[in-house]
Amino acid sequence: MKMFNPVFIVEGWSDEQVLRQAYPFIETIVTNGTRMNNRVRADINNHMRLGFTPYVLSDPDQAGDQLYDMVKKEYPHIERIHVHKEHARKKMSTRWKYGVEYCETDYLYFLLKPYMASTW
């Protein structure tokens, strides 16, 4: 088991909210979509300076892949935590929509547990 302080890079505020249901004091960086702007870079750099290990926790879809690719381009050492599509889907009208925000709390708790500090 890894023991350190993680920070999770997520696409949206809804993702952050559902993560806080599993881990109330979790550290996140919200990108507001698939953008790598100066604020996101500064947040990543500041967290790393403070000793946090960043991970991308993005949706299991094309936008999630794009976000990870953008982060990986500038920060090749940052890993992605893979969210299984079956745990991150919601039926919207006639199609399925995929996102971290649709994950159940228990799933996120167990998915992230190996990355969380031993105090959790």
N, C-alpha and C. Protein backbone atom coordinates (compact mmCIF):
# COMPACT_ATOMS: atom_id res chain seq x y z
N MET A 1 0.85 -1.19 0.00
CA MET A 1 0.00 0.00 0.00
C MET A 1 0.89 1.24 0.00
N LYS A 2 0.51 2.22 -0.81
CA LYS A 2 1.26 3.47 -0.88
C LYS A 2 0.85 4.38 0.28
N MET A 3 1.81 5.05 0.88
CA MET A 3 1.51 5.92 2.02
C MET A 3 2.04 7.33 1.75
N PHE A 4 1.19 8.22 1.38
CA PHE A 4 1.56 9.61 1.14
C PHE A 4 0.29 10.44 1.03
N ASN A 5 0.46 11.71 0.75
CA ASN A 5 -0.68 12.60 0.61
C ASN A 5 -1.01 12.79 -0.87
N PRO A 6 -2.10 12.21 -1.32
CA PRO A 6 -2.47 12.38 -2.72
C PRO A 6 -3.32 13.62 -2.95
N VAL A 7 -3.30 14.12 -4.16
CA VAL A 7 -4.23 15.14 -4.61
C VAL A 7 -4.78 14.61 -5.94
N PHE A 8 -6.09 14.69 -6.10
CA PHE A 8 -6.74 14.10 -7.26
C PHE A 8 -7.19 15.20 -8.22
N ILE A 9 -6.74 15.10 -9.45
CA ILE A 9 -7.11 16.05 -10.50
C ILE A 9 -8.39 15.52 -11.14
N VAL A 10 -9.47 16.29 -11.01
CA VAL A 10 -10.78 15.88 -11.51
C VAL A 10 -11.32 16.92 -12.48
N GLU A 11 -12.29 16.50 -13.29
CA GLU A 11 -12.82 17.39 -14.32
C GLU A 11 -13.77 18.46 -13.79
N GLY A 12 -14.60 18.12 -12.81
CA GLY A 12 -15.62 19.08 -12.41
C GLY A 12 -15.93 19.06 -10.93
N TRP A 13 -16.74 20.06 -10.54
CA TRP A 13 -17.11 20.22 -9.13
C TRP A 13 -17.98 19.07 -8.64
N SER A 14 -18.78 18.49 -9.53
CA SER A 14 -19.60 17.34 -9.15
C SER A 14 -18.72 16.15 -8.79
N ASP A 15 -17.62 16.00 -9.49
CA ASP A 15 -16.66 14.93 -9.17
C ASP A 15 -16.10 15.14 -7.77
N GLU A 16 -15.71 16.38 -7.49
CA GLU A 16 -15.17 16.69 -6.17
C GLU A 16 -16.20 16.40 -5.08
N GLN A 17 -17.45 16.75 -5.31
CA GLN A 17 -18.49 16.53 -4.30
C GLN A 17 -18.68 15.06 -3.99
N VAL A 18 -18.69 14.22 -5.01
CA VAL A 18 -18.89 12.79 -4.77
C VAL A 18 -17.66 12.18 -4.09
N LEU A 19 -16.46 12.69 -4.40
CA LEU A 19 -15.26 12.21 -3.71
C LEU A 19 -15.30 12.57 -2.23
N ARG A 20 -15.82 13.74 -1.91
CA ARG A 20 -15.90 14.17 -0.51
C ARG A 20 -16.90 13.33 0.30
N GLN A 21 -17.82 12.67 -0.38
CA GLN A 21 -18.72 11.75 0.33
C GLN A 21 -17.94 10.53 0.81
N ALA A 22 -16.94 10.10 0.03
CA ALA A 22 -16.13 8.96 0.41
C ALA A 22 -15.01 9.37 1.36
N TYR A 23 -14.39 10.51 1.11
CA TYR A 23 -13.27 11.03 1.91
C TYR A 23 -13.49 12.52 2.12
N PRO A 24 -14.08 12.92 3.24
CA PRO A 24 -14.45 14.33 3.46
C PRO A 24 -13.30 15.34 3.35
N PHE A 25 -12.07 14.93 3.64
CA PHE A 25 -10.96 15.88 3.64
C PHE A 25 -10.01 15.67 2.47
N ILE A 26 -10.53 15.08 1.40
CA ILE A 26 -9.71 14.78 0.23
C ILE A 26 -9.24 16.08 -0.44
N GLU A 27 -8.03 16.03 -0.98
CA GLU A 27 -7.48 17.18 -1.72
C GLU A 27 -7.77 16.98 -3.20
N THR A 28 -8.31 18.00 -3.85
CA THR A 28 -8.61 17.91 -5.27
C THR A 28 -8.15 19.16 -6.01
N ILE A 29 -7.96 18.99 -7.28
CA ILE A 29 -7.74 20.10 -8.21
C ILE A 29 -8.80 19.93 -9.28
N VAL A 30 -9.70 20.89 -9.39
CA VAL A 30 -10.79 20.83 -10.36
C VAL A 30 -10.38 21.61 -11.61
N THR A 31 -10.43 20.94 -12.76
CA THR A 31 -9.98 21.58 -14.01
C THR A 31 -11.10 22.30 -14.75
N ASN A 32 -12.34 22.05 -14.38
CA ASN A 32 -13.49 22.61 -15.11
C ASN A 32 -13.49 22.16 -16.56
N GLY A 33 -13.36 20.88 -16.77
CA GLY A 33 -13.37 20.31 -18.11
C GLY A 33 -12.02 19.77 -18.49
N THR A 34 -11.72 19.85 -19.76
CA THR A 34 -10.46 19.29 -20.26
C THR A 34 -9.47 20.40 -20.59
N ARG A 35 -9.28 21.29 -19.65
CA ARG A 35 -8.40 22.44 -19.87
C ARG A 35 -7.16 22.35 -18.98
N MET A 36 -6.01 22.63 -19.58
CA MET A 36 -4.77 22.78 -18.81
C MET A 36 -4.40 24.25 -18.89
N ASN A 37 -4.92 25.05 -17.96
CA ASN A 37 -4.60 26.47 -17.98
C ASN A 37 -3.61 26.79 -16.86
N ASN A 38 -3.26 28.06 -16.75
CA ASN A 38 -2.26 28.47 -15.76
C ASN A 38 -2.70 28.19 -14.33
N ARG A 39 -4.00 28.30 -14.04
CA ARG A 39 -4.49 28.03 -12.69
C ARG A 39 -4.29 26.55 -12.34
N VAL A 40 -4.62 25.68 -13.28
CA VAL A 40 -4.46 24.24 -13.04
C VAL A 40 -2.98 23.90 -12.86
N ARG A 41 -2.13 24.44 -13.71
CA ARG A 41 -0.68 24.21 -13.58
C ARG A 41 -0.17 24.70 -12.23
N ALA A 42 -0.61 25.89 -11.83
CA ALA A 42 -0.17 26.44 -10.54
C ALA A 42 -0.66 25.56 -9.39
N ASP A 43 -1.90 25.08 -9.47
CA ASP A 43 -2.42 24.19 -8.42
C ASP A 43 -1.62 22.90 -8.33
N ILE A 44 -1.31 22.32 -9.47
CA ILE A 44 -0.52 21.08 -9.48
C ILE A 44 0.86 21.35 -8.90
N ASN A 45 1.52 22.41 -9.37
CA ASN A 45 2.86 22.74 -8.88
C ASN A 45 2.87 23.04 -7.39
N ASN A 46 1.89 23.80 -6.92
CA ASN A 46 1.82 24.12 -5.49
C ASN A 46 1.62 22.87 -4.64
N HIS A 47 0.73 21.99 -5.07
CA HIS A 47 0.50 20.76 -4.31
C HIS A 47 1.77 19.90 -4.28
N MET A 48 2.47 19.81 -5.40
CA MET A 48 3.70 19.02 -5.42
C MET A 48 4.76 19.63 -4.51
N ARG A 49 4.85 20.96 -4.49
CA ARG A 49 5.80 21.63 -3.59
C ARG A 49 5.49 21.34 -2.13
N LEU A 50 4.21 21.16 -1.84
CA LEU A 50 3.80 20.87 -0.46
C LEU A 50 3.89 19.39 -0.12
N GLY A 51 4.35 18.58 -1.05
CA GLY A 51 4.55 17.16 -0.79
C GLY A 51 3.40 16.25 -1.20
N PHE A 52 2.45 16.76 -1.95
CA PHE A 52 1.34 15.94 -2.43
C PHE A 52 1.75 15.20 -3.70
N THR A 53 1.19 14.04 -3.89
CA THR A 53 1.39 13.27 -5.11
C THR A 53 0.11 13.37 -5.94
N PRO A 54 0.19 13.99 -7.12
CA PRO A 54 -1.02 14.15 -7.93
C PRO A 54 -1.37 12.90 -8.74
N TYR A 55 -2.66 12.68 -8.89
CA TYR A 55 -3.22 11.61 -9.71
C TYR A 55 -4.37 12.19 -10.51
N VAL A 56 -4.54 11.72 -11.73
CA VAL A 56 -5.70 12.10 -12.53
C VAL A 56 -6.79 11.08 -12.25
N LEU A 57 -7.95 11.57 -11.88
CA LEU A 57 -9.13 10.74 -11.68
C LEU A 57 -10.22 11.31 -12.57
N SER A 58 -10.21 10.86 -13.83
CA SER A 58 -11.12 11.44 -14.81
C SER A 58 -12.15 10.42 -15.27
N ASP A 59 -13.16 10.93 -15.94
CA ASP A 59 -14.25 10.09 -16.41
C ASP A 59 -13.75 9.03 -17.39
N PRO A 60 -14.41 7.87 -17.42
CA PRO A 60 -14.02 6.82 -18.36
C PRO A 60 -14.65 7.05 -19.74
N ASP A 61 -14.29 8.18 -20.33
CA ASP A 61 -14.82 8.54 -21.65
C ASP A 61 -13.77 9.33 -22.41
N GLN A 62 -14.13 9.82 -23.57
CA GLN A 62 -13.19 10.54 -24.43
C GLN A 62 -12.68 11.82 -23.75
N ALA A 63 -13.55 12.55 -23.08
CA ALA A 63 -13.12 13.78 -22.40
C ALA A 63 -12.13 13.45 -21.28
N GLY A 64 -12.38 12.37 -20.56
CA GLY A 64 -11.45 11.95 -19.51
C GLY A 64 -10.09 11.58 -20.09
N ASP A 65 -10.10 10.90 -21.24
CA ASP A 65 -8.84 10.56 -21.92
C ASP A 65 -8.10 11.82 -22.35
N GLN A 66 -8.85 12.81 -22.86
CA GLN A 66 -8.23 14.06 -23.29
C GLN A 66 -7.58 14.79 -22.12
N LEU A 67 -8.29 14.83 -20.99
CA LEU A 67 -7.71 15.49 -19.82
C LEU A 67 -6.42 14.79 -19.40
N TYR A 68 -6.47 13.47 -19.32
CA TYR A 68 -5.27 12.75 -18.91
C TYR A 68 -4.12 12.99 -19.88
N ASP A 69 -4.40 12.98 -21.18
CA ASP A 69 -3.36 13.22 -22.17
C ASP A 69 -2.73 14.60 -22.00
N MET A 70 -3.56 15.60 -21.70
CA MET A 70 -3.03 16.96 -21.51
C MET A 70 -2.15 17.04 -20.26
N VAL A 71 -2.61 16.42 -19.18
CA VAL A 71 -1.81 16.42 -17.95
C VAL A 71 -0.51 15.66 -18.18
N LYS A 72 -0.60 14.50 -18.78
CA LYS A 72 0.57 13.63 -19.01
C LYS A 72 1.61 14.32 -19.89
N LYS A 73 1.15 15.15 -20.83
CA LYS A 73 2.07 15.86 -21.72
C LYS A 73 2.99 16.80 -20.93
N GLU A 74 2.44 17.46 -19.92
CA GLU A 74 3.23 18.41 -19.14
C GLU A 74 3.83 17.80 -17.88
N TYR A 75 3.20 16.75 -17.39
CA TYR A 75 3.66 16.08 -16.17
C TYR A 75 3.69 14.57 -16.43
N PRO A 76 4.71 14.08 -17.11
CA PRO A 76 4.74 12.67 -17.51
C PRO A 76 4.71 11.68 -16.35
N HIS A 77 5.07 12.11 -15.16
CA HIS A 77 5.11 11.20 -14.01
C HIS A 77 3.74 11.01 -13.34
N ILE A 78 2.75 11.81 -13.70
CA ILE A 78 1.44 11.72 -13.06
C ILE A 78 0.67 10.54 -13.63
N GLU A 79 0.19 9.70 -12.73
CA GLU A 79 -0.57 8.51 -13.12
C GLU A 79 -2.07 8.80 -13.17
N ARG A 80 -2.75 7.94 -13.90
CA ARG A 80 -4.22 8.01 -13.95
C ARG A 80 -4.79 6.84 -13.17
N ILE A 81 -5.78 7.12 -12.38
CA ILE A 81 -6.53 6.07 -11.69
C ILE A 81 -7.72 5.75 -12.59
N HIS A 82 -7.83 4.50 -12.98
CA HIS A 82 -8.88 4.11 -13.92
C HIS A 82 -10.19 3.81 -13.20
N VAL A 83 -11.22 4.49 -13.63
CA VAL A 83 -12.57 4.28 -13.11
C VAL A 83 -13.26 3.32 -14.09
N HIS A 84 -13.81 2.25 -13.57
CA HIS A 84 -14.48 1.27 -14.42
C HIS A 84 -15.81 1.83 -14.90
N LYS A 85 -16.06 1.71 -16.21
CA LYS A 85 -17.28 2.26 -16.81
C LYS A 85 -18.55 1.75 -16.14
N GLU A 86 -18.56 0.50 -15.73
CA GLU A 86 -19.76 -0.08 -15.12
C GLU A 86 -20.11 0.59 -13.80
N HIS A 87 -19.13 1.19 -13.15
CA HIS A 87 -19.35 1.85 -11.86
C HIS A 87 -19.57 3.36 -12.02
N ALA A 88 -19.48 3.86 -13.24
CA ALA A 88 -19.53 5.31 -13.46
C ALA A 88 -20.52 5.67 -14.55
N ARG A 89 -21.66 5.00 -14.54
CA ARG A 89 -22.62 5.29 -15.62
C ARG A 89 -24.00 5.59 -15.06
N LYS A 90 -24.72 6.36 -15.87
CA LYS A 90 -26.08 6.73 -15.53
C LYS A 90 -26.87 6.81 -16.83
N LYS A 91 -28.06 6.26 -16.80
CA LYS A 91 -28.92 6.27 -17.99
C LYS A 91 -29.56 7.66 -18.11
N MET A 92 -29.34 8.31 -19.23
CA MET A 92 -29.91 9.62 -19.52
C MET A 92 -30.76 9.49 -20.77
N SER A 93 -32.06 9.50 -20.58
CA SER A 93 -32.99 9.36 -21.70
C SER A 93 -32.74 8.02 -22.39
N THR A 94 -32.17 8.05 -23.58
CA THR A 94 -31.97 6.81 -24.33
C THR A 94 -30.51 6.37 -24.41
N ARG A 95 -29.62 7.06 -23.71
CA ARG A 95 -28.20 6.70 -23.79
C ARG A 95 -27.56 6.70 -22.41
N TRP A 96 -26.41 6.06 -22.32
CA TRP A 96 -25.64 6.04 -21.07
C TRP A 96 -24.69 7.22 -21.05
N LYS A 97 -24.56 7.82 -19.89
CA LYS A 97 -23.58 8.89 -19.66
C LYS A 97 -22.60 8.36 -18.63
N TYR A 98 -21.31 8.67 -18.82
CA TYR A 98 -20.27 8.16 -17.93
C TYR A 98 -19.57 9.30 -17.21
N GLY A 99 -19.32 9.12 -15.92
CA GLY A 99 -18.63 10.15 -15.16
C GLY A 99 -18.35 9.73 -13.74
N VAL A 100 -17.29 10.29 -13.19
CA VAL A 100 -16.94 10.05 -11.79
C VAL A 100 -18.11 10.44 -10.89
N GLU A 101 -18.83 11.49 -11.26
CA GLU A 101 -19.93 11.97 -10.42
C GLU A 101 -21.06 10.96 -10.27
N TYR A 102 -21.09 9.92 -11.12
CA TYR A 102 -22.13 8.90 -11.04
C TYR A 102 -21.70 7.67 -10.23
N CYS A 103 -20.47 7.68 -9.74
CA CYS A 103 -19.97 6.55 -8.96
C CYS A 103 -20.60 6.54 -7.57
N GLU A 104 -20.80 5.35 -7.05
CA GLU A 104 -21.28 5.22 -5.68
C GLU A 104 -20.14 5.47 -4.72
N THR A 105 -20.49 5.97 -3.55
CA THR A 105 -19.50 6.31 -2.53
C THR A 105 -18.63 5.10 -2.17
N ASP A 106 -19.24 3.95 -1.98
CA ASP A 106 -18.48 2.75 -1.61
C ASP A 106 -17.45 2.39 -2.67
N TYR A 107 -17.82 2.50 -3.93
CA TYR A 107 -16.88 2.19 -5.01
C TYR A 107 -15.68 3.14 -4.94
N LEU A 108 -15.93 4.44 -4.80
CA LEU A 108 -14.84 5.41 -4.74
C LEU A 108 -13.98 5.21 -3.51
N TYR A 109 -14.60 4.86 -2.40
CA TYR A 109 -13.84 4.61 -1.18
C TYR A 109 -12.81 3.49 -1.42
N PHE A 110 -13.26 2.38 -1.98
CA PHE A 110 -12.36 1.25 -2.19
C PHE A 110 -11.40 1.49 -3.35
N LEU A 111 -11.82 2.24 -4.38
CA LEU A 111 -10.93 2.56 -5.49
C LEU A 111 -9.75 3.41 -5.03
N LEU A 112 -10.02 4.38 -4.15
CA LEU A 112 -8.97 5.32 -3.73
C LEU A 112 -8.22 4.88 -2.49
N LYS A 113 -8.72 3.92 -1.78
CA LYS A 113 -8.10 3.51 -0.51
C LYS A 113 -6.60 3.21 -0.65
N PRO A 114 -6.14 2.53 -1.69
CA PRO A 114 -4.69 2.28 -1.80
C PRO A 114 -3.84 3.54 -1.96
N TYR A 115 -4.46 4.64 -2.33
CA TYR A 115 -3.74 5.89 -2.57
C TYR A 115 -3.79 6.83 -1.37
N MET A 116 -4.63 6.53 -0.42
CA MET A 116 -4.83 7.42 0.72
C MET A 116 -3.82 7.13 1.81
N ALA A 117 -3.53 8.14 2.61
CA ALA A 117 -2.61 8.00 3.73
C ALA A 117 -3.18 7.02 4.74
N SER A 118 -2.32 6.45 5.55
CA SER A 118 -2.73 5.42 6.50
C SER A 118 -3.70 5.94 7.55
N THR A 119 -3.84 7.25 7.70
CA THR A 119 -4.76 7.81 8.69
C THR A 119 -6.20 7.62 8.29
N TRP A 120 -6.48 7.26 7.03
CA TRP A 120 -7.86 7.05 6.60
C TRP A 120 -8.25 5.69 7.04
